[in-house]
C-alpha cells in the first residue's frame, strides 16, 4: 500500500499590526497635511511666491497649534527636491541655511518631535509614498490640506486624496500660488470638482481623538 498523504497544513497569517509597529500610535479621523513648506524656494518665481507665502506661514502655524490641541495629527508631506541621498531632517537643515530664500518660513514651521513626515518624489503626496498607508493606520477620513503651491502640489495631492475617498478641507488662507489669481482658480477647481471645503482656517472647528503614545 502506498503511504497516505498528510493533510495540508494551513499557516495562519499574523494579524495586521494596529499601529505600524509603534510608529503611528495616534488615532484621529482628521489629519493636517503641510505640503512642501520645508522649502528652500530655489526657483525663478520664488520672490513672487514669497510675497504670499510669508502671511500663509503665519496662518498655517496658528492652524497647526490648534490642531495639536485638538489631537489632530500633523503630517509634513515634502518634496525631496532631487536630493535622493537626503532624509527629512537633513532637508530641514538644508532649508535653514542663511542663503535659503525659504529660511524664514521653514524656521516658523519646522516640525516637532511628534509630527509625522513623508518624502515625495513628485507633485502628489500619494505618488510612490507611504502617505496612504499612514493615513489608514491613523484612521483618517478627512484631510486638511495646506501649503505650497495651491495650483500644483496641493492640487495634485488633493486630487489623489479625492480619488481615495478622503473628505477634503483646503483652507483658502493656508495655500498659495505664484499669483493670487492662480490660487483663486485652483481653489475654485478643488471646491467644484473635488468637493473641497475652502473656508478660511479661522472658520474651521477642529475635533480629533488622540491615543496616548507608548514608551
Protein backbone atom coordinates (compact mmCIF):
# COMPACT_ATOMS: atom_id res chain seq x y z
CA UNK A 1 0.00 0.00 0.00
CA UNK A 2 1.16 3.48 -0.71
CA UNK A 3 1.78 5.81 2.17
CA UNK A 4 -1.17 8.04 2.99
CA UNK A 5 -0.72 11.69 2.16
CA UNK A 6 -0.56 14.03 5.12
CA UNK A 7 -3.39 16.57 5.26
CA UNK A 8 -2.35 20.05 4.11
CA UNK A 9 -1.10 22.39 6.79
CA UNK A 10 -2.59 25.85 6.89
CA UNK A 11 -0.40 28.68 8.08
CA UNK A 12 -2.21 31.43 9.91
CA UNK A 13 -1.03 34.85 8.78
CA UNK A 14 -0.23 37.27 11.59
CA UNK A 15 -2.88 39.86 12.32
CA UNK A 16 -2.28 43.30 10.88
CA UNK A 17 -0.26 45.40 13.28
CA UNK A 18 -2.66 48.10 14.50
CA UNK A 19 -0.08 50.87 14.88
CA UNK A 20 2.69 50.34 12.30
CA UNK A 21 4.91 48.72 14.95
CA UNK A 22 4.54 51.70 17.26
CA UNK A 23 5.28 54.28 14.58
CA UNK A 24 1.70 55.55 14.22
CA UNK A 25 0.04 55.28 17.63
CA UNK A 26 -2.27 58.28 17.10
CA UNK A 27 -5.88 57.77 16.10
CA UNK A 28 -7.87 60.56 14.50
CA UNK A 29 -10.49 60.87 11.78
CA UNK A 30 -8.88 64.18 10.77
CA UNK A 31 -5.27 64.81 9.74
CA UNK A 32 -3.48 68.06 8.90
CA UNK A 33 -1.15 67.93 5.88
CA UNK A 34 1.57 70.52 5.31
CA UNK A 35 2.67 70.31 1.67
CA UNK A 36 6.20 71.46 0.71
CA UNK A 37 6.53 74.06 3.47
CA UNK A 38 10.08 72.86 4.14
CA UNK A 39 11.35 74.54 1.02
CA UNK A 40 14.49 76.47 0.06
CA UNK A 41 12.45 78.24 -2.66
CA UNK A 42 15.29 77.82 -5.10
CA UNK A 43 13.41 78.52 -8.33
CA UNK A 44 12.93 81.57 -10.57
CA UNK A 45 9.48 82.64 -9.30
CA UNK A 46 10.40 82.31 -5.61
CA UNK A 47 10.40 86.03 -4.82
CA UNK A 48 6.94 86.34 -6.32
CA UNK A 49 5.70 83.40 -4.23
CA UNK A 50 7.32 84.69 -1.04
CA UNK A 51 5.04 87.71 -1.08
CA UNK A 52 2.12 85.39 -0.38
CA UNK A 53 3.95 82.61 1.47
CA UNK A 54 5.01 84.70 4.47
CA UNK A 55 1.46 85.54 5.67
CA UNK A 56 0.36 82.00 4.73
CA UNK A 57 3.02 80.52 7.04
CA UNK A 58 1.72 82.52 9.99
CA UNK A 59 -1.79 81.19 9.39
CA UNK A 60 -0.59 77.60 8.98
CA UNK A 61 1.33 77.91 12.25
CA UNK A 62 -1.79 79.02 14.11
CA UNK A 63 -3.79 76.22 12.47
CA UNK A 64 -1.13 73.67 13.43
CA UNK A 65 -1.17 74.85 17.05
CA UNK A 66 -4.95 74.48 17.16
CA UNK A 67 -4.73 71.06 15.53
CA UNK A 68 -2.28 69.79 18.13
CA UNK A 69 -4.50 70.99 20.97
CA UNK A 70 -7.43 69.16 19.38
CA UNK A 71 -5.42 65.93 18.99
CA UNK A 72 -5.25 66.15 15.20
CA UNK A 73 -2.02 64.58 13.86
CA UNK A 74 0.25 66.78 11.73
CA UNK A 75 1.93 65.29 8.65
CA UNK A 76 4.64 67.07 6.66
CA UNK A 77 4.43 65.92 3.05
CA UNK A 78 7.53 67.25 1.39
CA UNK A 79 9.35 67.09 -1.91
CA UNK A 80 12.86 65.70 -1.76
CA UNK A 81 13.88 68.31 -4.40
CA UNK A 82 16.04 65.72 -6.15
CA UNK A 83 18.14 65.13 -3.01
CA UNK A 84 17.90 61.33 -3.21
CA UNK A 85 20.59 60.74 -0.57
CA UNK A 86 18.95 63.00 1.97
CA UNK A 87 16.27 62.49 4.61
CA UNK A 88 13.66 64.86 6.01
CA UNK A 89 15.74 66.12 8.94
CA UNK A 90 18.59 66.97 6.62
CA UNK A 91 16.11 68.71 4.35
CA UNK A 92 15.14 70.96 7.25
CA UNK A 93 18.78 71.79 7.96
CA UNK A 94 19.39 72.49 4.28
CA UNK A 95 16.44 74.89 4.09
CA UNK A 96 17.51 76.74 7.24
CA UNK A 97 20.81 77.82 5.67
CA UNK A 98 21.45 81.55 5.62
CA UNK A 99 21.30 81.61 1.81
CA UNK A 100 17.95 79.82 1.65
CA UNK A 101 15.12 82.09 0.48
CA UNK A 102 12.67 79.89 2.35
CA UNK A 103 14.56 80.14 5.65
CA UNK A 104 12.04 82.42 7.36
CA UNK A 105 9.11 80.14 6.56
CA UNK A 106 10.99 76.96 7.49
CA UNK A 107 12.08 78.46 10.82
CA UNK A 108 8.44 79.25 11.59
CA UNK A 109 7.04 75.89 10.52
CA UNK A 110 9.82 73.41 11.28
CA UNK A 111 8.47 70.09 12.55
CA UNK A 112 8.25 69.00 16.17
CA UNK A 113 9.22 65.61 17.56
CA UNK A 114 5.67 64.22 17.49
CA UNK A 115 4.92 65.27 13.92
CA UNK A 116 4.90 62.79 11.05
CA UNK A 117 6.65 63.26 7.72
CA UNK A 118 6.53 61.71 4.27
CA UNK A 119 9.01 62.48 1.49
CA UNK A 120 7.55 62.55 -2.01
CA UNK A 121 9.42 62.27 -5.33
CA UNK A 122 6.81 64.02 -7.48
CA UNK A 123 3.96 66.51 -7.21
CA UNK A 124 1.35 64.40 -5.42
CA UNK A 125 1.87 63.41 -1.81
CA UNK A 126 0.38 60.00 -2.64
CA UNK A 127 2.52 59.09 -5.66
CA UNK A 128 5.10 56.39 -4.69
CA UNK A 129 4.92 57.29 -0.97
CA UNK A 130 3.66 55.77 2.28
CA UNK A 131 1.13 58.56 2.88
CA UNK A 132 -1.99 56.49 2.24
CA UNK A 133 -0.71 53.68 4.49
CA UNK A 134 -0.03 56.14 7.30
CA UNK A 135 -3.46 57.76 6.96
CA UNK A 136 -5.20 54.37 7.05
CA UNK A 137 -3.41 53.41 10.25
CA UNK A 138 -4.30 56.76 11.79
CA UNK A 139 -7.92 56.15 10.86
CA UNK A 140 -8.12 59.43 8.95
CA UNK A 141 -11.15 60.10 6.80
CA UNK A 142 -10.88 63.86 6.41
CA UNK A 143 -7.74 65.76 5.36
CA UNK A 144 -6.93 69.41 5.92
CA UNK A 145 -4.51 70.20 3.10
CA UNK A 146 -2.27 73.27 3.29
CA UNK A 147 0.96 74.53 1.76
CA UNK A 148 2.77 75.28 -1.49
CA UNK A 149 1.73 75.59 -4.25
CA UNK A 150 -2.05 75.69 -4.46
CA UNK A 151 -2.17 75.18 -8.21
CA UNK A 152 0.46 72.46 -8.28
CA UNK A 153 1.45 70.10 -5.43
CA UNK A 154 -1.55 70.95 -3.23
CA UNK A 155 -3.88 70.42 -6.20
CA UNK A 156 -2.25 67.12 -7.24
CA UNK A 157 -2.31 65.81 -3.65
CA UNK A 158 -5.93 66.88 -3.17
CA UNK A 159 -6.92 65.18 -6.43
CA UNK A 160 -5.33 61.89 -5.38
CA UNK A 161 -6.92 62.16 -1.93
CA UNK A 162 -10.33 62.63 -3.54
CA UNK A 163 -9.76 59.55 -5.70
CA UNK A 164 -9.14 57.62 -2.48
CA UNK A 165 -12.42 58.83 -0.94
CA UNK A 166 -10.98 61.22 1.64
CA UNK A 167 -13.04 64.28 2.53
CA UNK A 168 -11.13 67.46 1.84
CA UNK A 169 -10.68 70.76 3.62
CA UNK A 170 -8.36 73.21 1.87
CA UNK A 171 -8.37 76.48 3.82
CA UNK A 172 -8.17 79.38 1.38
CA UNK A 173 -5.75 81.30 3.61
CA UNK A 174 -3.34 78.36 4.06
CA UNK A 175 -2.24 77.73 0.50
CA UNK A 176 -0.56 79.99 -2.05
CA UNK A 177 0.48 80.01 -5.69
CA UNK A 178 2.70 82.31 -7.71
CA UNK A 179 -0.18 84.74 -8.20
CA UNK A 180 -3.40 85.42 -6.33
CA UNK A 181 -5.40 84.70 -9.50
CA UNK A 182 -3.76 81.28 -9.98
CA UNK A 183 -4.55 80.44 -6.37
CA UNK A 184 -8.18 81.50 -6.72
CA UNK A 185 -8.52 79.35 -9.83
CA UNK A 186 -7.02 76.34 -8.06
CA UNK A 187 -9.31 76.77 -5.05
CA UNK A 188 -12.35 77.13 -7.31
CA UNK A 189 -11.41 73.95 -9.16
CA UNK A 190 -10.91 71.98 -5.92
CA UNK A 191 -14.15 73.29 -4.48
CA UNK A 192 -16.14 72.46 -7.62
CA UNK A 193 -14.68 69.12 -8.70
CA UNK A 194 -13.10 67.68 -5.54
CA UNK A 195 -15.94 68.83 -3.25
CA UNK A 196 -13.39 70.58 -1.01
CA UNK A 197 -14.38 72.87 1.84
CA UNK A 198 -12.30 76.01 1.23
CA UNK A 199 -13.42 78.22 4.09
CA UNK A 200 -10.60 80.15 5.86
CA UNK A 201 -8.73 78.37 8.64
CA UNK A 202 -10.24 80.66 11.29
CA UNK A 203 -13.69 79.25 10.44
CA UNK A 204 -12.68 75.62 11.00
CA UNK A 205 -13.76 73.70 14.07
CA UNK A 206 -11.11 71.10 14.83
CA UNK A 207 -12.06 67.87 16.53
CA UNK A 208 -9.75 64.88 16.85
CA UNK A 209 -9.26 61.89 19.08
CA UNK A 210 -5.72 61.17 20.21
CA UNK A 211 -4.45 57.96 21.72
CA UNK A 212 -1.59 58.29 24.16
CA UNK A 213 1.83 57.45 22.80
CA UNK A 214 3.71 54.48 24.14
CA UNK A 215 7.08 54.46 25.78
